[in-house]
N, C-alpha and C. Protein backbone atom coordinates (compact mmCIF):
# COMPACT_ATOMS: atom_id res chain seq x y z
N UNK A 1 26.38 8.44 15.66
CA UNK A 1 27.26 8.51 14.73
C UNK A 1 27.07 7.69 13.46
N UNK A 2 27.22 8.02 12.34
CA UNK A 2 27.03 7.33 11.02
C UNK A 2 28.44 6.59 10.74
N UNK A 3 28.06 5.53 10.11
CA UNK A 3 29.11 4.48 9.85
C UNK A 3 29.82 4.90 8.38
N UNK A 4 30.27 6.06 8.56
CA UNK A 4 31.18 6.71 7.38
C UNK A 4 32.54 7.12 8.16
N UNK A 5 33.62 6.43 7.74
CA UNK A 5 34.79 6.69 8.30
C UNK A 5 35.97 7.10 7.52
N UNK A 6 36.45 8.22 7.64
CA UNK A 6 37.46 9.04 6.67
C UNK A 6 38.86 8.38 7.16
N UNK A 7 39.33 7.62 6.06
CA UNK A 7 40.73 6.89 6.35
C UNK A 7 41.60 6.94 5.07
N UNK A 8 42.74 7.38 5.02
CA UNK A 8 43.84 7.26 3.98
C UNK A 8 42.97 7.75 2.83
N UNK A 9 42.54 6.93 1.84
CA UNK A 9 42.13 7.47 0.63
C UNK A 9 40.80 7.96 0.50
N UNK A 10 40.05 7.96 1.47
CA UNK A 10 38.50 8.40 1.40
C UNK A 10 37.61 7.79 2.36
N UNK A 11 36.47 7.69 2.07
CA UNK A 11 35.21 7.20 2.80
C UNK A 11 35.13 5.80 2.64
N UNK A 12 35.01 5.05 3.76
CA UNK A 12 34.60 3.70 3.95
C UNK A 12 33.23 3.62 4.18
N UNK A 13 32.21 3.26 3.31
CA UNK A 13 31.07 3.31 3.50
C UNK A 13 30.45 2.01 3.58
N UNK A 14 30.09 1.59 4.89
CA UNK A 14 29.72 -0.02 5.00
C UNK A 14 28.42 -0.31 4.23
N UNK A 15 28.27 -0.46 3.13
CA UNK A 15 27.01 -0.73 2.36
C UNK A 15 27.02 -1.93 1.53
N UNK A 16 26.22 -2.82 2.09
CA UNK A 16 26.40 -4.50 1.43
C UNK A 16 24.84 -4.44 0.71
N UNK A 17 24.95 -5.66 -0.17
CA UNK A 17 23.45 -5.94 -0.78
C UNK A 17 23.51 -7.20 -1.30
N UNK A 18 22.31 -7.72 -1.51
CA UNK A 18 22.07 -8.65 -2.40
C UNK A 18 20.51 -9.16 -2.38
N UNK A 19 19.99 -10.06 -3.26
CA UNK A 19 18.67 -10.42 -3.09
C UNK A 19 18.36 -11.56 -3.99
N UNK A 20 17.29 -12.28 -3.46
CA UNK A 20 16.83 -13.62 -4.30
C UNK A 20 16.04 -13.06 -5.49
N UNK A 21 15.20 -14.01 -5.92
CA UNK A 21 14.27 -13.55 -7.08
C UNK A 21 13.41 -12.48 -6.65
N UNK A 22 13.35 -11.35 -6.98
CA UNK A 22 12.54 -10.31 -6.48
C UNK A 22 11.79 -9.85 -7.73
N UNK A 23 10.64 -9.20 -7.52
CA UNK A 23 9.68 -8.58 -8.73
C UNK A 23 10.69 -7.54 -9.59
N UNK A 24 10.95 -7.95 -10.75
CA UNK A 24 11.81 -7.08 -11.44
C UNK A 24 10.84 -5.68 -11.76
N UNK A 25 9.73 -5.98 -11.81
CA UNK A 25 9.00 -4.92 -12.45
C UNK A 25 8.25 -3.75 -11.35
N UNK A 26 8.87 -4.35 -10.11
CA UNK A 26 8.65 -3.22 -9.07
C UNK A 26 9.52 -2.20 -9.06
N UNK A 27 9.05 -0.92 -8.31
CA UNK A 27 9.89 0.25 -8.22
C UNK A 27 11.08 -0.10 -7.62
N UNK A 28 12.01 0.78 -7.27
CA UNK A 28 13.35 0.62 -6.65
C UNK A 28 13.07 0.71 -5.33
N UNK A 29 12.30 1.57 -4.88
CA UNK A 29 11.94 1.52 -3.40
C UNK A 29 11.37 0.29 -2.96
N UNK A 30 10.37 -0.26 -3.71
CA UNK A 30 9.75 -1.72 -3.49
C UNK A 30 10.92 -2.77 -3.33
N UNK A 31 11.60 -2.67 -4.43
CA UNK A 31 12.94 -3.67 -4.65
C UNK A 31 13.63 -3.44 -3.54
N UNK A 32 14.03 -2.32 -2.68
CA UNK A 32 14.76 -2.23 -1.63
C UNK A 32 14.09 -3.02 -0.33
N UNK A 33 12.50 -2.63 -0.26
CA UNK A 33 11.94 -3.28 0.68
C UNK A 33 11.95 -4.87 0.65
N UNK A 34 11.72 -5.42 -0.59
CA UNK A 34 11.74 -6.69 -0.86
C UNK A 34 13.08 -7.26 -0.17
N UNK A 35 14.17 -6.53 -0.67
CA UNK A 35 15.65 -7.14 -0.31
C UNK A 35 15.66 -7.27 1.02
N UNK A 36 15.28 -6.29 1.89
CA UNK A 36 15.45 -6.13 3.42
C UNK A 36 14.56 -7.19 4.03
N UNK A 37 13.47 -7.52 3.36
CA UNK A 37 12.48 -8.84 4.05
C UNK A 37 12.85 -9.95 3.51
N UNK A 38 13.62 -10.22 2.29
CA UNK A 38 13.61 -11.38 2.02
C UNK A 38 15.26 -12.06 1.96
N UNK A 39 16.22 -11.11 2.14
CA UNK A 39 17.59 -11.48 2.29
C UNK A 39 18.30 -11.31 3.54
N UNK A 40 18.04 -12.23 4.47
CA UNK A 40 18.92 -12.25 5.92
C UNK A 40 20.37 -12.22 5.86
N UNK A 41 21.03 -12.57 4.80
CA UNK A 41 22.64 -12.99 4.65
C UNK A 41 22.88 -12.64 3.29
N UNK A 42 24.06 -12.23 3.13
CA UNK A 42 24.72 -12.13 1.63
C UNK A 42 26.04 -12.20 1.75
N UNK A 43 26.88 -12.68 0.63
CA UNK A 43 28.15 -12.14 0.58
C UNK A 43 28.80 -11.63 -0.72
N UNK A 44 29.72 -11.08 -1.06
CA UNK A 44 30.02 -10.73 -2.56
C UNK A 44 31.25 -9.77 -2.34
N UNK A 45 31.40 -8.92 -3.32
CA UNK A 45 32.67 -8.20 -3.62
C UNK A 45 32.24 -6.84 -4.03
N UNK A 46 33.22 -5.78 -3.78
CA UNK A 46 32.93 -4.60 -3.74
C UNK A 46 34.03 -3.82 -4.59
N UNK A 47 33.84 -2.68 -5.21
CA UNK A 47 34.81 -1.65 -5.63
C UNK A 47 34.16 -0.29 -5.18
N UNK A 48 34.89 0.37 -4.86
CA UNK A 48 34.85 1.76 -4.16
C UNK A 48 35.55 2.81 -4.53
N UNK A 49 35.03 3.95 -5.07
CA UNK A 49 36.10 5.08 -5.54
C UNK A 49 35.24 6.51 -5.34
N UNK A 50 36.12 7.30 -5.14
CA UNK A 50 35.49 8.72 -5.18
C UNK A 50 35.46 9.33 -6.29
N UNK A 51 34.29 9.92 -6.74
CA UNK A 51 33.93 10.49 -8.20
C UNK A 51 34.41 11.85 -8.16
N UNK A 52 34.53 12.25 -9.44
CA UNK A 52 34.90 13.85 -9.84
C UNK A 52 36.32 13.95 -9.32
N UNK A 53 37.40 13.12 -9.05
CA UNK A 53 38.54 13.53 -8.62
C UNK A 53 39.67 12.83 -9.85
N UNK A 54 40.65 13.46 -10.27
CA UNK A 54 41.72 13.03 -11.37
C UNK A 54 42.20 11.62 -10.86
N UNK A 55 42.31 11.21 -9.75
CA UNK A 55 43.03 10.12 -9.51
C UNK A 55 41.93 9.06 -8.78
N UNK A 56 40.78 9.08 -9.07
CA UNK A 56 39.74 8.08 -8.48
C UNK A 56 39.84 6.77 -8.70
N UNK A 57 40.57 6.33 -9.98
CA UNK A 57 40.68 4.90 -10.30
C UNK A 57 41.76 4.41 -9.59
N UNK A 58 42.83 5.58 -9.39
CA UNK A 58 44.17 4.88 -8.75
C UNK A 58 43.92 4.73 -7.15
N UNK A 59 43.20 5.49 -6.63
CA UNK A 59 42.82 5.60 -5.26
C UNK A 59 41.61 4.85 -4.83
N UNK A 60 41.11 4.10 -5.79
CA UNK A 60 39.96 3.35 -5.22
C UNK A 60 40.21 2.00 -4.42
N UNK A 61 39.26 1.64 -3.90
CA UNK A 61 39.38 0.33 -3.00
C UNK A 61 38.63 -1.06 -3.48
N UNK A 62 39.11 -2.10 -3.29
CA UNK A 62 38.19 -3.16 -3.48
C UNK A 62 38.40 -4.08 -2.54
N UNK A 63 37.48 -5.01 -2.24
CA UNK A 63 37.58 -6.00 -1.19
C UNK A 63 36.19 -7.04 -1.16
N UNK A 64 36.14 -7.43 -0.06
CA UNK A 64 34.86 -8.50 0.12
C UNK A 64 33.85 -8.10 1.15
N UNK A 65 32.73 -8.50 1.32
CA UNK A 65 31.85 -8.32 2.20
C UNK A 65 31.09 -9.47 2.51
N UNK A 66 30.29 -9.41 3.67
CA UNK A 66 29.41 -10.28 4.21
C UNK A 66 28.41 -9.50 5.27
N UNK A 67 27.26 -10.11 5.34
CA UNK A 67 26.48 -9.37 6.28
C UNK A 67 25.41 -10.45 6.53
N UNK A 68 24.78 -10.39 7.89
CA UNK A 68 23.81 -11.18 8.36
C UNK A 68 22.83 -10.27 9.31
N UNK A 69 21.78 -10.06 8.86
CA UNK A 69 20.74 -9.31 9.54
C UNK A 69 20.18 -9.86 10.97
N UNK A 70 19.98 -9.15 11.90
CA UNK A 70 20.02 -7.55 12.02
C UNK A 70 21.60 -7.06 12.39
N UNK A 71 22.32 -6.39 11.63
CA UNK A 71 23.43 -5.65 12.33
C UNK A 71 24.91 -6.24 12.21
N UNK A 72 24.86 -7.51 11.55
CA UNK A 72 26.04 -8.26 11.58
C UNK A 72 26.60 -8.02 10.36
N UNK A 73 28.10 -7.45 10.15
CA UNK A 73 28.53 -7.50 8.79
C UNK A 73 29.87 -7.35 9.01
N UNK A 74 30.71 -7.64 7.79
CA UNK A 74 32.06 -7.80 7.90
C UNK A 74 32.48 -6.97 6.26
N UNK A 75 33.34 -5.76 6.30
CA UNK A 75 33.66 -5.15 5.39
C UNK A 75 35.03 -5.12 5.17
N UNK A 76 35.87 -6.12 4.43
CA UNK A 76 37.30 -6.38 4.03
C UNK A 76 37.70 -5.45 2.86
N UNK A 77 38.51 -4.56 3.09
CA UNK A 77 39.20 -3.72 2.11
C UNK A 77 40.55 -4.58 1.97
N UNK A 78 40.86 -4.88 0.55
CA UNK A 78 42.13 -5.90 0.36
C UNK A 78 43.10 -4.80 -0.42
N UNK A 79 42.96 -4.02 -1.01
CA UNK A 79 43.57 -3.02 -1.95
C UNK A 79 43.01 -1.67 -1.98
N UNK A 80 43.91 -0.71 -1.97
CA UNK A 80 45.35 -0.75 -2.12
C UNK A 80 45.97 -1.04 -0.83
N UNK A 81 45.31 -1.12 0.34
CA UNK A 81 45.68 -1.35 1.62
C UNK A 81 44.69 -2.26 2.43
N UNK A 82 44.92 -2.65 3.40
CA UNK A 82 44.21 -3.67 4.13
C UNK A 82 43.65 -3.11 5.31
N UNK A 83 42.22 -3.26 5.36
CA UNK A 83 41.59 -2.70 6.56
C UNK A 83 40.35 -3.57 6.81
N UNK A 84 39.70 -3.58 8.06
CA UNK A 84 38.51 -4.23 8.41
C UNK A 84 37.44 -3.46 8.97
N UNK A 85 36.20 -3.33 8.82
CA UNK A 85 35.22 -3.12 9.71
C UNK A 85 34.36 -4.22 9.71
N UNK A 86 33.88 -4.50 10.98
CA UNK A 86 33.22 -5.74 11.54
C UNK A 86 32.21 -5.27 12.57
N UNK A 87 30.99 -5.82 12.27
CA UNK A 87 29.98 -5.59 13.57
C UNK A 87 29.71 -6.90 13.92
N UNK A 88 29.71 -7.30 15.38
CA UNK A 88 28.95 -8.43 15.92
C UNK A 88 27.71 -8.38 16.17
N UNK A 89 27.02 -7.22 15.87
CA UNK A 89 25.64 -6.85 16.33
C UNK A 89 25.70 -5.93 17.53
N UNK A 90 26.78 -5.91 18.39
CA UNK A 90 26.68 -5.19 19.42
C UNK A 90 27.56 -3.93 19.53
N UNK A 91 29.15 -4.35 19.08
CA UNK A 91 30.02 -3.56 18.81
C UNK A 91 30.32 -3.49 17.48
N UNK A 92 30.86 -2.18 16.90
CA UNK A 92 31.54 -2.08 15.77
C UNK A 92 33.04 -1.90 15.67
N UNK A 93 33.98 -2.73 15.02
CA UNK A 93 35.23 -2.65 15.20
C UNK A 93 36.00 -1.96 13.77
N UNK A 94 36.65 -1.10 13.77
CA UNK A 94 37.50 -1.02 12.61
C UNK A 94 39.10 -1.02 12.94
N UNK A 95 39.31 -1.95 12.19
CA UNK A 95 40.90 -2.46 12.46
C UNK A 95 41.68 -2.19 11.28
N UNK A 96 42.92 -1.25 11.62
CA UNK A 96 43.90 -0.72 10.54
C UNK A 96 45.12 -1.47 11.01
N UNK A 97 45.74 -2.31 10.39
CA UNK A 97 46.89 -3.15 10.45
C UNK A 97 48.07 -2.25 10.43
N UNK A 98 48.13 -1.41 9.37
CA UNK A 98 49.16 -0.37 9.17
C UNK A 98 49.36 0.61 10.44
N UNK A 99 48.35 0.88 11.07
CA UNK A 99 48.27 1.56 12.28
C UNK A 99 48.49 0.94 13.41
N UNK A 100 48.41 -0.76 13.55
CA UNK A 100 48.14 -1.33 14.42
C UNK A 100 47.11 -0.94 15.60
N UNK A 101 46.01 -0.46 15.10
CA UNK A 101 45.15 0.28 15.72
C UNK A 101 43.54 -0.31 15.71
N UNK A 102 42.81 -0.51 16.72
CA UNK A 102 41.33 -0.86 16.77
C UNK A 102 40.53 0.27 17.19
N UNK A 103 39.66 0.83 16.53
CA UNK A 103 38.66 1.73 17.26
C UNK A 103 37.19 0.72 17.42
N UNK A 104 36.61 1.02 18.66
CA UNK A 104 35.37 0.39 19.08
C UNK A 104 34.37 1.17 19.38
N UNK A 105 33.26 1.03 18.99
CA UNK A 105 32.13 1.85 19.45
C UNK A 105 30.87 0.90 19.35
N UNK A 106 29.85 1.33 20.29
CA UNK A 106 28.63 0.51 20.10
C UNK A 106 28.01 0.65 18.53
N UNK A 107 27.25 -0.33 18.27
CA UNK A 107 26.74 -0.62 17.08
C UNK A 107 25.53 0.58 16.94
N UNK A 108 24.72 0.87 18.03
CA UNK A 108 23.63 1.96 17.80
C UNK A 108 24.16 3.17 17.49
N UNK A 109 25.38 3.68 18.05
CA UNK A 109 26.13 4.75 17.81
C UNK A 109 26.81 4.95 16.26
N UNK A 110 26.97 3.71 15.90
CA UNK A 110 27.97 3.73 14.69
C UNK A 110 26.98 3.54 13.24
N UNK A 111 25.79 2.79 13.58
CA UNK A 111 24.86 2.70 12.44
C UNK A 111 23.88 3.71 12.52
N UNK A 112 23.03 3.81 13.45
CA UNK A 112 21.89 4.93 13.92
C UNK A 112 21.14 5.12 12.33
N UNK A 113 21.39 6.24 11.82
CA UNK A 113 20.54 6.50 10.38
C UNK A 113 21.62 6.72 9.52
N UNK A 114 22.63 5.93 9.49
CA UNK A 114 23.59 5.91 8.30
C UNK A 114 23.12 4.99 7.19
N UNK A 115 23.74 5.24 5.95
CA UNK A 115 23.55 4.20 4.90
C UNK A 115 23.38 2.71 5.35
N UNK A 116 24.33 2.51 6.42
CA UNK A 116 24.47 0.92 6.61
C UNK A 116 23.20 0.60 7.34
N UNK A 117 22.38 1.43 8.24
CA UNK A 117 21.02 0.99 8.39
C UNK A 117 20.05 0.63 7.52
N UNK A 118 20.19 1.02 6.16
CA UNK A 118 19.08 0.75 5.07
C UNK A 118 19.43 -0.57 4.77
N UNK A 119 20.62 -0.95 4.72
CA UNK A 119 20.93 -2.48 4.23
C UNK A 119 21.02 -3.49 5.29
N UNK A 120 21.38 -3.20 6.62
CA UNK A 120 21.70 -4.12 7.62
C UNK A 120 20.59 -4.03 8.49
N UNK A 121 19.82 -3.13 8.62
CA UNK A 121 18.54 -3.15 9.48
C UNK A 121 17.53 -3.90 9.02
N UNK A 122 16.54 -3.86 10.10
CA UNK A 122 15.26 -4.86 9.86
C UNK A 122 14.08 -3.88 10.19
N UNK A 123 14.14 -2.59 10.54
CA UNK A 123 13.12 -1.84 11.04
C UNK A 123 12.63 -1.19 9.98
N UNK A 124 11.63 -0.10 10.37
CA UNK A 124 10.91 0.55 9.31
C UNK A 124 11.67 1.92 8.90
N UNK A 125 11.87 1.63 7.32
CA UNK A 125 13.02 2.52 6.75
C UNK A 125 12.45 4.09 6.89
N UNK A 126 11.14 4.18 6.80
CA UNK A 126 10.47 5.68 6.70
C UNK A 126 11.01 6.24 8.11
N UNK A 127 11.21 5.59 9.10
CA UNK A 127 11.48 6.16 10.37
C UNK A 127 12.84 7.02 10.35
N UNK A 128 13.60 6.77 9.67
CA UNK A 128 14.88 7.45 9.64
C UNK A 128 15.03 8.06 8.31
N UNK A 129 14.22 7.61 7.10
CA UNK A 129 14.63 8.13 5.91
C UNK A 129 13.55 8.36 4.99
N UNK A 130 13.68 9.37 4.19
CA UNK A 130 12.87 9.55 3.29
C UNK A 130 12.90 8.99 1.78
N UNK A 131 12.11 8.05 1.33
CA UNK A 131 12.74 7.25 0.23
C UNK A 131 11.88 7.63 -1.17
N UNK A 132 12.62 7.92 -2.28
CA UNK A 132 11.64 8.44 -3.32
C UNK A 132 12.42 7.59 -4.62
N UNK A 133 11.52 7.35 -5.48
CA UNK A 133 11.98 6.68 -6.91
C UNK A 133 12.54 7.55 -7.69
N UNK A 134 13.54 7.55 -8.49
CA UNK A 134 14.22 8.30 -9.33
C UNK A 134 13.90 7.46 -10.78
N UNK A 135 14.11 8.54 -11.91
CA UNK A 135 13.87 7.72 -13.07
C UNK A 135 14.75 6.68 -13.74
N UNK A 136 14.18 5.60 -14.20
CA UNK A 136 15.13 4.57 -14.60
C UNK A 136 16.08 5.09 -15.79
N UNK A 137 17.31 4.66 -15.77
CA UNK A 137 18.40 5.02 -16.54
C UNK A 137 19.27 3.88 -16.79
N UNK A 138 19.91 3.84 -18.08
CA UNK A 138 20.89 2.97 -18.29
C UNK A 138 20.46 1.52 -17.92
N UNK A 139 19.28 1.17 -18.01
CA UNK A 139 18.78 -0.13 -17.70
C UNK A 139 18.70 -0.28 -16.13
N UNK A 140 18.82 0.56 -15.27
CA UNK A 140 18.82 0.49 -13.98
C UNK A 140 17.68 0.99 -13.35
N UNK A 141 17.16 0.67 -12.19
CA UNK A 141 16.02 1.28 -11.50
C UNK A 141 16.83 1.94 -10.33
N UNK A 142 16.40 3.17 -10.19
CA UNK A 142 17.08 3.94 -9.22
C UNK A 142 16.35 4.53 -8.05
N UNK A 143 16.75 4.84 -6.92
CA UNK A 143 16.10 5.42 -5.83
C UNK A 143 16.90 6.27 -4.74
N UNK A 144 16.26 7.32 -4.08
CA UNK A 144 17.13 8.07 -3.38
C UNK A 144 16.69 7.93 -1.75
N UNK A 145 17.58 7.91 -1.03
CA UNK A 145 17.17 7.74 0.54
C UNK A 145 17.92 8.96 1.05
N UNK A 146 17.13 9.88 1.76
CA UNK A 146 17.55 11.20 2.39
C UNK A 146 17.16 10.98 3.90
N UNK A 147 18.59 10.93 4.68
CA UNK A 147 18.24 10.95 6.13
C UNK A 147 17.15 12.18 6.44
N UNK A 148 16.39 11.62 7.47
CA UNK A 148 15.66 12.81 8.21
C UNK A 148 16.50 13.64 9.35
N UNK A 149 17.33 13.01 9.83
CA UNK A 149 18.17 13.81 10.63
C UNK A 149 19.12 14.46 9.79
N UNK A 150 18.93 15.75 10.20
CA UNK A 150 20.10 16.72 9.65
C UNK A 150 21.54 16.62 10.09
N UNK A 151 21.88 15.61 11.09
CA UNK A 151 23.19 15.53 11.61
C UNK A 151 23.79 14.23 11.33
N UNK A 152 22.95 13.87 9.98
CA UNK A 152 23.45 12.19 9.60
C UNK A 152 24.80 11.98 9.12
N UNK A 153 25.29 13.18 8.66
CA UNK A 153 26.72 13.48 8.19
C UNK A 153 26.67 13.14 6.52
N UNK A 154 25.56 12.80 6.00
CA UNK A 154 25.73 12.67 4.70
C UNK A 154 24.17 13.44 3.76
N UNK A 155 24.27 13.60 2.82
CA UNK A 155 22.97 14.33 2.03
C UNK A 155 21.85 13.25 1.83
N UNK A 156 22.49 12.31 0.97
CA UNK A 156 21.55 11.17 0.58
C UNK A 156 22.26 10.03 -0.17
N UNK A 157 21.83 9.07 -0.26
CA UNK A 157 22.44 7.92 -1.06
C UNK A 157 21.40 7.37 -1.91
N UNK A 158 22.00 7.34 -3.30
CA UNK A 158 21.08 6.77 -4.19
C UNK A 158 21.56 5.29 -4.43
N UNK A 159 20.32 4.42 -4.54
CA UNK A 159 20.82 2.99 -4.47
C UNK A 159 20.15 2.59 -6.13
N UNK A 160 21.03 1.89 -6.75
CA UNK A 160 20.60 1.55 -8.12
C UNK A 160 20.35 -0.08 -8.17
N UNK A 161 19.16 -0.65 -8.85
CA UNK A 161 18.96 -1.83 -8.78
C UNK A 161 19.05 -2.47 -10.40
N UNK A 162 19.23 -3.69 -10.49
CA UNK A 162 19.14 -4.44 -11.81
C UNK A 162 18.45 -5.71 -11.63
N UNK A 163 17.44 -5.93 -12.05
CA UNK A 163 16.71 -7.14 -12.08
C UNK A 163 16.58 -7.84 -10.36
N UNK A 164 16.30 -6.80 -9.72
CA UNK A 164 15.92 -7.18 -8.29
C UNK A 164 17.19 -6.92 -7.34
N UNK A 165 18.22 -6.82 -7.82
CA UNK A 165 19.51 -6.85 -7.11
C UNK A 165 20.32 -5.44 -6.96
N UNK A 166 20.72 -4.73 -5.88
CA UNK A 166 21.41 -3.61 -5.64
C UNK A 166 22.68 -3.86 -6.21
N UNK A 167 22.72 -2.90 -6.98
CA UNK A 167 24.21 -3.22 -7.84
C UNK A 167 25.08 -1.91 -7.83
N UNK A 168 24.60 -0.67 -7.28
CA UNK A 168 25.58 0.51 -7.28
C UNK A 168 24.94 1.27 -6.19
N UNK A 169 25.77 1.94 -5.57
CA UNK A 169 25.33 3.05 -4.21
C UNK A 169 26.23 4.35 -4.82
N UNK A 170 25.54 5.64 -4.85
CA UNK A 170 26.23 6.72 -4.74
C UNK A 170 25.76 7.57 -3.54
N UNK A 171 26.84 7.79 -2.78
CA UNK A 171 26.76 8.56 -1.66
C UNK A 171 27.30 9.97 -1.65
N UNK A 172 26.22 10.97 -1.42
CA UNK A 172 26.91 12.35 -1.39
C UNK A 172 26.89 12.75 0.05
N UNK A 173 28.17 12.94 0.29
CA UNK A 173 28.57 13.48 2.04
C UNK A 173 28.22 14.93 2.17
N UNK A 174 28.49 15.07 3.44
CA UNK A 174 28.28 16.53 3.75
C UNK A 174 29.40 17.62 3.11
N UNK A 175 30.27 17.08 2.82
CA UNK A 175 31.29 17.68 2.04
C UNK A 175 30.92 17.96 0.67
N UNK A 176 30.09 17.34 0.16
CA UNK A 176 29.70 17.59 -1.28
C UNK A 176 30.18 16.92 -2.20
N UNK A 177 31.16 15.52 -1.59
CA UNK A 177 31.81 14.64 -2.45
C UNK A 177 31.13 13.43 -2.73
N UNK A 178 31.07 12.91 -3.91
CA UNK A 178 30.23 11.43 -3.91
C UNK A 178 31.19 10.20 -4.05
N UNK A 179 30.77 9.17 -3.20
CA UNK A 179 31.51 7.99 -3.39
C UNK A 179 30.34 6.90 -4.00
N UNK A 180 31.28 6.26 -4.91
CA UNK A 180 30.61 5.13 -5.71
C UNK A 180 31.00 3.87 -5.14
N UNK A 181 30.05 3.09 -4.63
CA UNK A 181 30.30 1.71 -4.41
C UNK A 181 29.45 0.79 -5.31
N UNK A 182 30.36 -0.27 -6.04
CA UNK A 182 29.59 -1.33 -7.27
C UNK A 182 29.84 -2.44 -6.40
N UNK A 183 28.68 -3.18 -6.60
CA UNK A 183 28.63 -4.54 -5.83
C UNK A 183 28.58 -5.59 -6.84
N UNK A 184 29.23 -6.70 -6.65
CA UNK A 184 29.19 -7.78 -7.66
C UNK A 184 29.48 -8.98 -7.16
N UNK A 185 29.23 -10.26 -7.89
CA UNK A 185 29.48 -11.60 -7.45
C UNK A 185 28.97 -11.88 -6.04
N UNK A 186 27.56 -11.57 -6.04
CA UNK A 186 26.89 -11.64 -4.88
C UNK A 186 26.36 -13.07 -4.73
N UNK A 187 26.42 -13.84 -3.42
CA UNK A 187 25.65 -14.86 -2.88
C UNK A 187 24.84 -14.69 -1.89
N UNK A 188 23.53 -15.22 -2.38
CA UNK A 188 22.54 -14.54 -1.57
C UNK A 188 21.96 -15.82 -0.70
N UNK A 189 21.96 -15.43 0.53
CA UNK A 189 21.71 -16.23 1.81
C UNK A 189 22.41 -17.53 2.25
N UNK A 190 23.93 -17.27 2.12
CA UNK A 190 24.79 -18.46 2.18
C UNK A 190 24.61 -18.77 3.87
N UNK A 191 25.36 -19.82 4.02
CA UNK A 191 25.60 -20.26 5.50
C UNK A 191 26.87 -19.57 5.97
N UNK A 192 26.64 -18.66 6.94
CA UNK A 192 27.64 -17.97 7.43
C UNK A 192 27.83 -18.38 9.05
N UNK A 193 29.06 -18.72 9.35
CA UNK A 193 29.40 -19.31 10.89
C UNK A 193 29.51 -17.94 11.57
N UNK A 194 29.30 -18.26 13.19
CA UNK A 194 29.34 -17.08 13.98
C UNK A 194 30.91 -16.47 13.82
N UNK A 195 31.86 -17.14 13.58
CA UNK A 195 33.20 -16.51 13.61
C UNK A 195 33.47 -15.60 12.39
N UNK A 196 32.49 -15.65 11.36
CA UNK A 196 32.69 -14.62 10.40
C UNK A 196 32.75 -13.21 10.94
N UNK A 197 31.61 -13.20 12.07
CA UNK A 197 31.35 -11.70 12.62
C UNK A 197 31.85 -11.69 14.18
N UNK A 198 33.03 -12.32 14.28
CA UNK A 198 33.68 -12.22 15.69
C UNK A 198 35.14 -11.64 15.49
N UNK A 199 35.39 -10.61 16.40
CA UNK A 199 36.70 -10.13 16.29
C UNK A 199 37.38 -9.99 17.51
N UNK A 200 38.68 -10.28 17.41
CA UNK A 200 39.68 -10.30 18.66
C UNK A 200 40.66 -9.48 18.36
N UNK A 201 41.20 -8.43 19.00
CA UNK A 201 42.10 -7.58 18.56
C UNK A 201 43.57 -8.40 18.47
N UNK A 202 44.44 -8.30 17.55
CA UNK A 202 45.88 -8.99 17.58
C UNK A 202 46.77 -8.50 18.87
N UNK A 203 47.62 -9.31 19.29
CA UNK A 203 48.34 -8.71 20.50
C UNK A 203 49.07 -7.67 20.01
N UNK A 204 49.34 -6.69 20.73
CA UNK A 204 50.08 -5.51 20.64
C UNK A 204 49.18 -4.54 19.87
N UNK A 205 48.11 -4.72 19.56
CA UNK A 205 47.31 -3.59 18.81
C UNK A 205 46.69 -2.75 19.95
N UNK A 206 46.63 -1.42 19.60
CA UNK A 206 45.99 -0.34 20.42
C UNK A 206 44.48 -0.40 20.35
N UNK A 207 43.75 -0.53 21.40
CA UNK A 207 42.25 -0.56 21.20
C UNK A 207 41.84 1.02 21.74
N UNK A 208 41.08 1.55 20.85
CA UNK A 208 40.38 2.79 21.13
C UNK A 208 39.08 2.83 21.56
N UNK A 209 38.45 3.07 22.59
CA UNK A 209 37.14 3.06 22.86
C UNK A 209 36.33 4.34 22.50
N UNK A 210 35.40 4.36 21.69
CA UNK A 210 34.69 5.59 21.24
C UNK A 210 33.46 5.62 21.91
């Protein structure tokens, strides 16, 4: 099951990024490979919105993220509502304070061939995705990752780089809708404590095993 969860205002796509000094002249696909090999951890902020909808700006989300490869991540939606998606490397938890509910599933079922596998994983990208470079535009280097599995739940994700950093992701889902995630204020390879990726359901919260 891919890590794309439909909640309230749209898709929560758990996609994180950052990179140290990379070869700016490299193609976007090569920059992605360098990012995966050279960035074991990062933190930052994100803005997410559904494109081509009249109320995209109003219904957008923003928050913070952190990741530590392989497979540990934290995606905190702060506005317009609070929500947490967290992986400790074995289980993925989606916590919705408004619903007082947590869903829990094995990380292999959650990430699989999802966009999260591109940025959190450490395996061979070509095993799960077809990667192609797209034309440079607006000062950004672009690439497209298309899942080899027809049941992945999304058609492709375009990743845009600027000076070696992933700065934007455009994901086309199986319903023909595009979600854009912009990444900023990235801190590369910070020291992250184990508690950053530990989740204990609050008292009184329903836990649903998937």
